[in-house]
C-alpha atoms as a PDB file:
ATOM      1  CA  UNK A   1       3.449 -12.848   0.719  1.00  0.00           C
ATOM      2  CA  UNK A   2       2.022 -12.395   4.188  1.00  0.00           C
ATOM      3  CA  UNK A   3      -1.011 -10.122   4.120  1.00  0.00           C
ATOM      4  CA  UNK A   4      -1.552  -7.739   7.030  1.00  0.00           C
ATOM      5  CA  UNK A   5      -3.971  -5.179   5.579  1.00  0.00           C
ATOM      6  CA  UNK A   6      -6.212  -7.502   3.588  1.00  0.00           C
ATOM      7  CA  UNK A   7      -7.542 -11.049   3.666  1.00  0.00           C
ATOM      8  CA  UNK A   8      -7.241 -13.403   0.696  1.00  0.00           C
ATOM      9  CA  UNK A   9      -9.630 -16.339   0.886  1.00  0.00           C
ATOM     10  CA  UNK A  10     -10.075 -19.106  -1.697  1.00  0.00           C
ATOM     11  CA  UNK A  11     -12.982 -21.519  -1.798  1.00  0.00           C
ATOM     12  CA  UNK A  12     -14.727 -23.533  -4.522  1.00  0.00           C
ATOM     13  CA  UNK A  13     -13.034 -21.718  -7.388  1.00  0.00           C
ATOM     14  CA  UNK A  14     -13.744 -18.268  -5.949  1.00  0.00           C
ATOM     15  CA  UNK A  15     -11.095 -15.959  -4.469  1.00  0.00           C
ATOM     16  CA  UNK A  16     -12.171 -13.104  -2.210  1.00  0.00           C
ATOM     17  CA  UNK A  17      -9.945 -10.138  -1.407  1.00  0.00           C
ATOM     18  CA  UNK A  18     -11.234  -8.285   1.652  1.00  0.00           C
ATOM     19  CA  UNK A  19      -9.642  -4.910   2.344  1.00  0.00           C
ATOM     20  CA  UNK A  20      -9.094  -5.122   6.074  1.00  0.00           C
ATOM     21  CA  UNK A  21      -8.570  -1.723   7.690  1.00  0.00           C
ATOM     22  CA  UNK A  22     -12.118  -1.276   9.030  1.00  0.00           C
ATOM     23  CA  UNK A  23     -11.036   1.321  11.608  1.00  0.00           C
ATOM     24  CA  UNK A  24      -9.767   3.479   8.711  1.00  0.00           C
ATOM     25  CA  UNK A  25     -12.661   2.651   6.352  1.00  0.00           C
ATOM     26  CA  UNK A  26     -10.234   0.518   4.344  1.00  0.00           C
ATOM     27  CA  UNK A  27      -8.425   3.601   3.101  1.00  0.00           C
ATOM     28  CA  UNK A  28      -5.387   2.955   0.948  1.00  0.00           C
ATOM     29  CA  UNK A  29      -1.804   3.056   2.179  1.00  0.00           C
ATOM     30  CA  UNK A  30       1.460   1.955   0.563  1.00  0.00           C
ATOM     31  CA  UNK A  31       1.185  -1.337   2.453  1.00  0.00           C
ATOM     32  CA  UNK A  32      -2.374  -2.174   1.451  1.00  0.00           C
ATOM     33  CA  UNK A  33      -1.747  -1.217  -2.187  1.00  0.00           C
ATOM     34  CA  UNK A  34       1.355  -3.417  -2.290  1.00  0.00           C
ATOM     35  CA  UNK A  35      -0.559  -6.318  -0.746  1.00  0.00           C
ATOM     36  CA  UNK A  36      -3.550  -5.734  -3.033  1.00  0.00           C
ATOM     37  CA  UNK A  37      -1.345  -5.918  -6.107  1.00  0.00           C
ATOM     38  CA  UNK A  38       0.334  -9.098  -4.843  1.00  0.00           C
ATOM     39  CA  UNK A  39      -3.039 -10.699  -4.059  1.00  0.00           C
ATOM     40  CA  UNK A  40      -4.271 -10.064  -7.612  1.00  0.00           C
ATOM     41  CA  UNK A  41      -1.060 -11.633  -8.937  1.00  0.00           C
ATOM     42  CA  UNK A  42      -1.699 -14.649  -6.721  1.00  0.00           C
ATOM     43  CA  UNK A  43      -5.209 -15.050  -8.111  1.00  0.00           C
ATOM     44  CA  UNK A  44      -3.967 -14.637 -11.687  1.00  0.00           C
ATOM     45  CA  UNK A  45      -1.494 -17.517 -11.267  1.00  0.00           C
ATOM     46  CA  UNK A  46      -3.916 -19.892  -9.542  1.00  0.00           C
ATOM     47  CA  UNK A  47      -5.598 -22.058 -12.177  1.00  0.00           C
ATOM     48  CA  UNK A  48      -8.063 -23.345  -9.576  1.00  0.00           C
ATOM     49  CA  UNK A  49      -9.537 -19.860  -9.171  1.00  0.00           C
ATOM     50  CA  UNK A  50     -12.089 -18.807 -11.774  1.00  0.00           C
ATOM     51  CA  UNK A  51     -13.646 -15.695 -10.197  1.00  0.00           C
ATOM     52  CA  UNK A  52     -12.364 -12.873  -7.997  1.00  0.00           C
ATOM     53  CA  UNK A  53     -14.582 -10.989  -5.525  1.00  0.00           C
ATOM     54  CA  UNK A  54     -13.404  -7.748  -3.907  1.00  0.00           C
ATOM     55  CA  UNK A  55     -15.033  -6.338  -0.780  1.00  0.00           C
ATOM     56  CA  UNK A  56     -14.252  -4.393   2.368  1.00  0.00           C
ATOM     57  CA  UNK A  57     -14.307  -5.216   6.065  1.00  0.00           C
ATOM     58  CA  UNK A  58     -16.591  -3.246   8.364  1.00  0.00           C
ATOM     59  CA  UNK A  59     -18.911  -0.485   7.186  1.00  0.00           C
ATOM     60  CA  UNK A  60     -17.020   0.732   4.111  1.00  0.00           C
ATOM     61  CA  UNK A  61     -15.827  -0.730   0.849  1.00  0.00           C
ATOM     62  CA  UNK A  62     -12.945   1.722   0.519  1.00  0.00           C
ATOM     63  CA  UNK A  63     -12.690   5.383   1.475  1.00  0.00           C
ATOM     64  CA  UNK A  64      -9.971   6.105  -1.078  1.00  0.00           C
ATOM     65  CA  UNK A  65      -6.449   7.128  -0.234  1.00  0.00           C
ATOM     66  CA  UNK A  66      -5.432   7.478   3.399  1.00  0.00           C
ATOM     67  CA  UNK A  67      -4.596  11.178   3.760  1.00  0.00           C
ATOM     68  CA  UNK A  68      -1.583  10.088   5.782  1.00  0.00           C
ATOM     69  CA  UNK A  69      -0.184   8.512   2.599  1.00  0.00           C
ATOM     70  CA  UNK A  70       3.284   9.906   1.745  1.00  0.00           C
ATOM     71  CA  UNK A  71       1.874  11.127  -1.568  1.00  0.00           C
ATOM     72  CA  UNK A  72      -0.018  13.911   0.241  1.00  0.00           C
ATOM     73  CA  UNK A  73       3.205  15.163   1.849  1.00  0.00           C
ATOM     74  CA  UNK A  74       5.286  15.067  -1.306  1.00  0.00           C
ATOM     75  CA  UNK A  75       6.319  18.341  -2.985  1.00  0.00           C
ATOM     76  CA  UNK A  76       8.117  16.933  -6.017  1.00  0.00           C
ATOM     77  CA  UNK A  77       5.812  16.605  -9.041  1.00  0.00           C
ATOM     78  CA  UNK A  78       8.030  13.838 -10.418  1.00  0.00           C
ATOM     79  CA  UNK A  79       7.759  11.813  -7.202  1.00  0.00           C
ATOM     80  CA  UNK A  80       3.997  12.364  -7.045  1.00  0.00           C
ATOM     81  CA  UNK A  81       3.692  11.098 -10.625  1.00  0.00           C
ATOM     82  CA  UNK A  82       5.736   7.990  -9.813  1.00  0.00           C
ATOM     83  CA  UNK A  83       3.951   7.497  -6.492  1.00  0.00           C
ATOM     84  CA  UNK A  84       0.646   7.091  -8.278  1.00  0.00           C
ATOM     85  CA  UNK A  85       1.982   3.923  -9.907  1.00  0.00           C
ATOM     86  CA  UNK A  86       0.939   1.953  -6.831  1.00  0.00           C
ATOM     87  CA  UNK A  87      -2.628   3.210  -7.207  1.00  0.00           C
ATOM     88  CA  UNK A  88      -2.636   2.596 -10.962  1.00  0.00           C
ATOM     89  CA  UNK A  89      -1.403  -0.963 -10.512  1.00  0.00           C
ATOM     90  CA  UNK A  90      -4.783  -2.055  -9.162  1.00  0.00           C
ATOM     91  CA  UNK A  91      -7.166  -1.051 -11.991  1.00  0.00           C
ATOM     92  CA  UNK A  92      -4.629  -2.154 -14.596  1.00  0.00           C
ATOM     93  CA  UNK A  93      -4.323  -5.612 -13.053  1.00  0.00           C
ATOM     94  CA  UNK A  94      -8.054  -6.001 -12.471  1.00  0.00           C
ATOM     95  CA  UNK A  95      -8.833  -5.215 -16.112  1.00  0.00           C
ATOM     96  CA  UNK A  96      -6.020  -7.480 -17.362  1.00  0.00           C
ATOM     97  CA  UNK A  97      -7.032 -10.402 -15.128  1.00  0.00           C
ATOM     98  CA  UNK A  98      -8.459 -13.126 -17.430  1.00  0.00           C
ATOM     99  CA  UNK A  99     -11.158 -13.954 -14.896  1.00  0.00           C
ATOM    100  CA  UNK A 100     -14.410 -12.203 -13.934  1.00  0.00           C
ATOM    101  CA  UNK A 101     -14.060  -9.688 -11.097  1.00  0.00           C
ATOM    102  CA  UNK A 102     -17.042  -8.774  -8.917  1.00  0.00           C
ATOM    103  CA  UNK A 103     -17.047  -5.753  -6.606  1.00  0.00           C
ATOM    104  CA  UNK A 104     -19.126  -6.564  -3.533  1.00  0.00           C
ATOM    105  CA  UNK A 105     -19.677  -3.020  -2.273  1.00  0.00           C
ATOM    106  CA  UNK A 106     -20.731  -3.194   1.356  1.00  0.00           C
ATOM    107  CA  UNK A 107     -20.545   0.523   2.148  1.00  0.00           C
ATOM    108  CA  UNK A 108     -19.005   3.781   0.963  1.00  0.00           C
ATOM    109  CA  UNK A 109     -16.783   3.569  -2.116  1.00  0.00           C
ATOM    110  CA  UNK A 110     -15.298   7.006  -2.678  1.00  0.00           C
ATOM    111  CA  UNK A 111     -12.278   8.494  -4.379  1.00  0.00           C
ATOM    112  CA  UNK A 112      -9.851   5.772  -5.418  1.00  0.00           C
ATOM    113  CA  UNK A 113     -12.218   3.298  -3.728  1.00  0.00           C
ATOM    114  CA  UNK A 114     -15.004   4.169  -6.168  1.00  0.00           C
ATOM    115  CA  UNK A 115     -12.641   3.719  -9.090  1.00  0.00           C
ATOM    116  CA  UNK A 116     -11.405   0.360  -7.866  1.00  0.00           C
ATOM    117  CA  UNK A 117     -15.045  -0.750  -7.871  1.00  0.00           C
ATOM    118  CA  UNK A 118     -15.519   0.674 -11.375  1.00  0.00           C
ATOM    119  CA  UNK A 119     -12.458  -1.266 -12.547  1.00  0.00           C
ATOM    120  CA  UNK A 120     -14.258  -4.501 -11.693  1.00  0.00           C
ATOM    121  CA  UNK A 121     -16.407  -6.242 -14.296  1.00  0.00           C
ATOM    122  CA  UNK A 122     -19.595  -6.406 -12.224  1.00  0.00           C
ATOM    123  CA  UNK A 123     -20.637  -4.274  -9.243  1.00  0.00           C
ATOM    124  CA  UNK A 124     -23.174  -5.432  -6.654  1.00  0.00           C
ATOM    125  CA  UNK A 125     -23.889  -2.970  -3.863  1.00  0.00           C
ATOM    126  CA  UNK A 126     -25.713  -2.983  -0.554  1.00  0.00           C
ATOM    127  CA  UNK A 127     -28.621  -0.548  -0.218  1.00  0.00           C
ATOM    128  CA  UNK A 128     -26.602   1.681   2.097  1.00  0.00           C
ATOM    129  CA  UNK A 129     -23.587   1.957  -0.190  1.00  0.00           C
ATOM    130  CA  UNK A 130     -22.554   5.299  -1.642  1.00  0.00           C
ATOM    131  CA  UNK A 131     -20.207   6.237  -4.474  1.00  0.00           C
ATOM    132  CA  UNK A 132     -18.330   9.469  -4.992  1.00  0.00           C
ATOM    133  CA  UNK A 133     -15.585  11.117  -7.021  1.00  0.00           C
ATOM    134  CA  UNK A 134     -14.676  13.277  -4.046  1.00  0.00           C
ATOM    135  CA  UNK A 135     -11.239  14.408  -5.207  1.00  0.00           C
ATOM    136  CA  UNK A 136     -12.465  17.930  -5.989  1.00  0.00           C
ATOM    137  CA  UNK A 137     -13.428  18.395  -2.336  1.00  0.00           C
ATOM    138  CA  UNK A 138      -9.753  18.562  -1.394  1.00  0.00           C
ATOM    139  CA  UNK A 139      -8.697  20.362  -4.557  1.00  0.00           C
ATOM    140  CA  UNK A 140      -7.089  17.501  -6.462  1.00  0.00           C
ATOM    141  CA  UNK A 141      -7.565  15.674  -9.753  1.00  0.00           C
ATOM    142  CA  UNK A 142      -9.456  12.414 -10.183  1.00  0.00           C
ATOM    143  CA  UNK A 143      -7.133   9.400 -10.294  1.00  0.00           C
ATOM    144  CA  UNK A 144      -7.109   5.573 -10.247  1.00  0.00           C
ATOM    145  CA  UNK A 145      -8.928   5.556 -13.570  1.00  0.00           C
ATOM    146  CA  UNK A 146     -11.997   7.612 -12.713  1.00  0.00           C
ATOM    147  CA  UNK A 147     -11.835   9.767 -15.856  1.00  0.00           C
ATOM    148  CA  UNK A 148     -11.600   6.556 -17.897  1.00  0.00           C
ATOM    149  CA  UNK A 149     -14.162   4.336 -16.181  1.00  0.00           C
ATOM    150  CA  UNK A 150     -16.950   6.694 -15.175  1.00  0.00           C
ATOM    151  CA  UNK A 151     -17.745   8.302 -18.575  1.00  0.00           C
ATOM    152  CA  UNK A 152     -17.832   4.840 -20.114  1.00  0.00           C
ATOM    153  CA  UNK A 153     -20.328   3.712 -17.467  1.00  0.00           C
ATOM    154  CA  UNK A 154     -22.722   6.644 -17.286  1.00  0.00           C
ATOM    155  CA  UNK A 155     -21.852   8.980 -20.143  1.00  0.00           C
ATOM    156  CA  UNK A 156     -19.757  12.128 -20.294  1.00  0.00           C
ATOM    157  CA  UNK A 157     -22.196  14.813 -19.008  1.00  0.00           C
ATOM    158  CA  UNK A 158     -23.135  12.996 -15.791  1.00  0.00           C
ATOM    159  CA  UNK A 159     -19.571  11.831 -15.204  1.00  0.00           C
ATOM    160  CA  UNK A 160     -18.227  15.374 -15.482  1.00  0.00           C
ATOM    161  CA  UNK A 161     -20.939  16.627 -13.149  1.00  0.00           C
ATOM    162  CA  UNK A 162     -20.043  14.069 -10.475  1.00  0.00           C
ATOM    163  CA  UNK A 163     -16.307  14.688 -10.818  1.00  0.00           C
ATOM    164  CA  UNK A 164     -16.661  18.470 -10.711  1.00  0.00           C
ATOM    165  CA  UNK A 165     -19.112  18.577  -7.796  1.00  0.00           C
ATOM    166  CA  UNK A 166     -17.808  15.688  -5.702  1.00  0.00           C
ATOM    167  CA  UNK A 167     -21.429  14.767  -4.954  1.00  0.00           C
ATOM    168  CA  UNK A 168     -22.138  11.342  -3.479  1.00  0.00           C
ATOM    169  CA  UNK A 169     -24.454   8.933  -5.296  1.00  0.00           C
ATOM    170  CA  UNK A 170     -26.663   6.562  -3.335  1.00  0.00           C
ATOM    171  CA  UNK A 171     -26.703   2.925  -4.418  1.00  0.00           C
ATOM    172  CA  UNK A 172     -30.177   2.997  -5.983  1.00  0.00           C
ATOM    173  CA  UNK A 173     -29.321   6.085  -8.012  1.00  0.00           C
ATOM    174  CA  UNK A 174     -26.008   4.489  -9.052  1.00  0.00           C
ATOM    175  CA  UNK A 175     -27.974   1.511 -10.348  1.00  0.00           C
ATOM    176  CA  UNK A 176     -30.470   3.762 -12.168  1.00  0.00           C
ATOM    177  CA  UNK A 177     -27.780   5.667 -14.071  1.00  0.00           C
ATOM    178  CA  UNK A 178     -25.856   2.508 -14.984  1.00  0.00           C
ATOM    179  CA  UNK A 179     -22.877   2.970 -12.701  1.00  0.00           C
ATOM    180  CA  UNK A 180     -23.433  -0.394 -11.013  1.00  0.00           C
ATOM    181  CA  UNK A 181     -25.222  -3.626 -11.857  1.00  0.00           C
ATOM    182  CA  UNK A 182     -27.439  -4.339  -8.890  1.00  0.00           C
ATOM    183  CA  UNK A 183     -28.537  -3.142  -5.444  1.00  0.00           C
ATOM    184  CA  UNK A 184     -29.549  -5.669  -2.786  1.00  0.00           C
ATOM    185  CA  UNK A 185     -30.469  -5.480   0.897  1.00  0.00           C
ATOM    186  CA  UNK A 186     -27.345  -5.312   3.062  1.00  0.00           C
ATOM    187  CA  UNK A 187     -28.122  -8.624   4.753  1.00  0.00           C
ATOM    188  CA  UNK A 188     -28.256 -10.385   1.368  1.00  0.00           C
ATOM    189  CA  UNK A 189     -25.195  -8.755  -0.216  1.00  0.00           C
ATOM    190  CA  UNK A 190     -22.715 -11.564   0.329  1.00  0.00           C
ATOM    191  CA  UNK A 191     -25.286 -14.259  -0.462  1.00  0.00           C
ATOM    192  CA  UNK A 192     -26.206 -12.669  -3.797  1.00  0.00           C
ATOM    193  CA  UNK A 193     -22.562 -12.013  -4.651  1.00  0.00           C
ATOM    194  CA  UNK A 194     -21.584 -15.588  -3.855  1.00  0.00           C
ATOM    195  CA  UNK A 195     -24.429 -16.967  -5.968  1.00  0.00           C
ATOM    196  CA  UNK A 196     -23.297 -14.929  -8.955  1.00  0.00           C
ATOM    197  CA  UNK A 197     -19.642 -15.815  -8.362  1.00  0.00           C
ATOM    198  CA  UNK A 198     -20.530 -19.512  -8.237  1.00  0.00           C
ATOM    199  CA  UNK A 199     -22.485 -19.244 -11.484  1.00  0.00           C
ATOM    200  CA  UNK A 200     -19.492 -17.641 -13.203  1.00  0.00           C
ATOM    201  CA  UNK A 201     -17.066 -20.120 -11.614  1.00  0.00           C
ATOM    202  CA  UNK A 202     -19.096 -22.939 -13.172  1.00  0.00           C
ATOM    203  CA  UNK A 203     -18.913 -21.304 -16.593  1.00  0.00           C
ATOM    204  CA  UNK A 204     -16.369 -21.959 -19.368  1.00  0.00           C
ATOM    205  CA  UNK A 205     -13.268 -20.042 -18.193  1.00  0.00           C
ATOM    206  CA  UNK A 206     -11.636 -19.509 -21.583  1.00  0.00           C
ATOM    207  CA  UNK A 207     -14.848 -18.147 -23.077  1.00  0.00           C
ATOM    208  CA  UNK A 208     -15.325 -15.844 -20.073  1.00  0.00           C
ATOM    209  CA  UNK A 209     -11.740 -14.589 -20.360  1.00  0.00           C
ATOM    210  CA  UNK A 210     -12.081 -13.895 -24.077  1.00  0.00           C
ATOM    211  CA  UNK A 211     -15.434 -12.125 -23.647  1.00  0.00           C
ATOM    212  CA  UNK A 212     -13.945  -9.864 -20.969  1.00  0.00           C
ATOM    213  CA  UNK A 213     -10.892  -9.076 -23.092  1.00  0.00           C
ATOM    214  CA  UNK A 214     -12.988  -8.410 -26.197  1.00  0.00           C
ATOM    215  CA  UNK A 215     -15.402  -6.037 -24.477  1.00  0.00           C
ATOM    216  CA  UNK A 216     -12.611  -3.836 -23.138  1.00  0.00           C
ATOM    217  CA  UNK A 217     -10.402  -4.096 -26.217  1.00  0.00           C
ATOM    218  CA  UNK A 218     -13.278  -3.292 -28.572  1.00  0.00           C
ATOM    219  CA  UNK A 219     -13.951   0.001 -26.789  1.00  0.00           C
ATOM    220  CA  UNK A 220     -11.177   1.476 -28.929  1.00  0.00           C
ATOM    221  CA  UNK A 221     -11.868  -0.458 -32.162  1.00  0.00           C
ATOM    222  CA  UNK A 222     -14.128   0.253 -35.116  1.00  0.00           C
ATOM    223  CA  UNK A 223     -16.931  -2.170 -35.945  1.00  0.00           C
ATOM    224  CA  UNK A 224     -15.007  -4.029 -38.634  1.00  0.00           C
ATOM    225  CA  UNK A 225     -12.018  -4.803 -36.405  1.00  0.00           C
ATOM    226  CA  UNK A 226     -14.333  -5.660 -33.496  1.00  0.00           C
ATOM    227  CA  UNK A 227     -16.092  -8.215 -35.709  1.00  0.00           C
ATOM    228  CA  UNK A 228     -12.727  -9.652 -36.723  1.00  0.00           C
ATOM    229  CA  UNK A 229     -11.743 -10.048 -33.091  1.00  0.00           C
ATOM    230  CA  UNK A 230     -15.039 -11.794 -32.352  1.00  0.00           C
ATOM    231  CA  UNK A 231     -14.447 -14.183 -35.242  1.00  0.00           C
ATOM    232  CA  UNK A 232     -10.936 -14.974 -34.004  1.00  0.00           C
ATOM    233  CA  UNK A 233     -12.236 -15.774 -30.533  1.00  0.00           C
ATOM    234  CA  UNK A 234     -15.038 -17.866 -31.956  1.00  0.00           C
ATOM    235  CA  UNK A 235     -12.545 -19.853 -34.027  1.00  0.00           C
ATOM    236  CA  UNK A 236     -10.629 -20.668 -30.847  1.00  0.00           C
ATOM    237  CA  UNK A 237     -13.694 -21.637 -28.821  1.00  0.00           C
ATOM    238  CA  UNK A 238     -15.516 -23.704 -31.439  1.00  0.00           C
ATOM    239  CA  UNK A 239     -12.597 -26.136 -31.356  1.00  0.00           C
ATOM    240  CA  UNK A 240     -12.437 -26.335 -27.570  1.00  0.00           C
ATOM    241  CA  UNK A 241     -13.334 -29.219 -25.281  1.00  0.00           C
ATOM    242  CA  UNK A 242     -15.605 -26.867 -23.361  1.00  0.00           C
ATOM    243  CA  UNK A 243     -17.633 -26.205 -26.514  1.00  0.00           C
ATOM    244  CA  UNK A 244     -18.002 -29.935 -27.117  1.00  0.00           C
ATOM    245  CA  UNK A 245     -19.039 -30.413 -23.483  1.00  0.00           C
ATOM    246  CA  UNK A 246     -21.531 -27.555 -23.723  1.00  0.00           C
ATOM    247  CA  UNK A 247     -23.184 -29.035 -26.808  1.00  0.00           C
ATOM    248  CA  UNK A 248     -23.263 -32.533 -25.299  1.00  0.00           C
ATOM    249  CA  UNK A 249     -24.785 -31.208 -22.073  1.00  0.00           C
ATOM    250  CA  UNK A 250     -27.419 -29.272 -24.008  1.00  0.00           C
ATOM    251  CA  UNK A 251     -28.427 -32.329 -26.046  1.00  0.00           C
ATOM    252  CA  UNK A 252     -28.411 -34.556 -22.962  1.00  0.00           C
ATOM    253  CA  UNK A 253     -30.374 -31.968 -20.937  1.00  0.00           C
ATOM    254  CA  UNK A 254     -27.820 -31.786 -18.105  1.00  0.00           C
ATOM    255  CA  UNK A 255     -25.575 -29.113 -16.636  1.00  0.00           C
ATOM    256  CA  UNK A 256     -22.223 -28.817 -18.406  1.00  0.00           C
ATOM    257  CA  UNK A 257     -18.933 -29.439 -16.581  1.00  0.00           C
ATOM    258  CA  UNK A 258     -16.498 -26.939 -18.053  1.00  0.00           C
ATOM    259  CA  UNK A 259     -12.797 -27.557 -17.471  1.00  0.00           C
ATOM    260  CA  UNK A 260     -11.197 -24.656 -19.288  1.00  0.00           C
ATOM    261  CA  UNK A 261      -9.831 -26.545 -22.263  1.00  0.00           C
END
């Protein structure tokens, strides 16, 4: 697929999707959502890619839905419901992707943009970044997974407060309350993100995929079934070539070379 509203770059096992509508703060249209979904599919099928980074061009990460989107002109509740499928595609695919996903938040991430960041596994933000569940400011409901992701990140009381007030959260405060992983100076954002992405890309891909799947799957399990899932994953990995390589590297005091087998 030819991408017109985003850039997909692949290098050294790392894929980067850059939302590329800087003049519109990378707000989401039918076209960019369709391309975004296709780009994730591309990354999922590429065995050479071990990590996905998502960022935005210009001064914003993503300002949420473009208010010119047909959804905001629709009067049929059924069509609105179906129209949200394009928005829902993104968090569903990011969580299902068997590879680590890092949000490299270079600026404002609000509305659906905030929830796309929250759908990623790790969030690194520039000092000037801001996050906001701003749906209430135009009288609509939170979407793109906000009511699912945010309470799980920061707890129910604070999540409800932010969704009901539409207040923006500065990057340092977002880090303090556990919404994001790390805040770095703007000029070091891409360097720090790349360093982390490279570290993950050098890791054992099957183990990383199973850890990601277990963490999210176990959110709805009891302790006993969570332990059973962990044991099943361990049984798979203890017989893997990567495990043998990891042990050999440890004993030989060298860096392991994981191949994903």
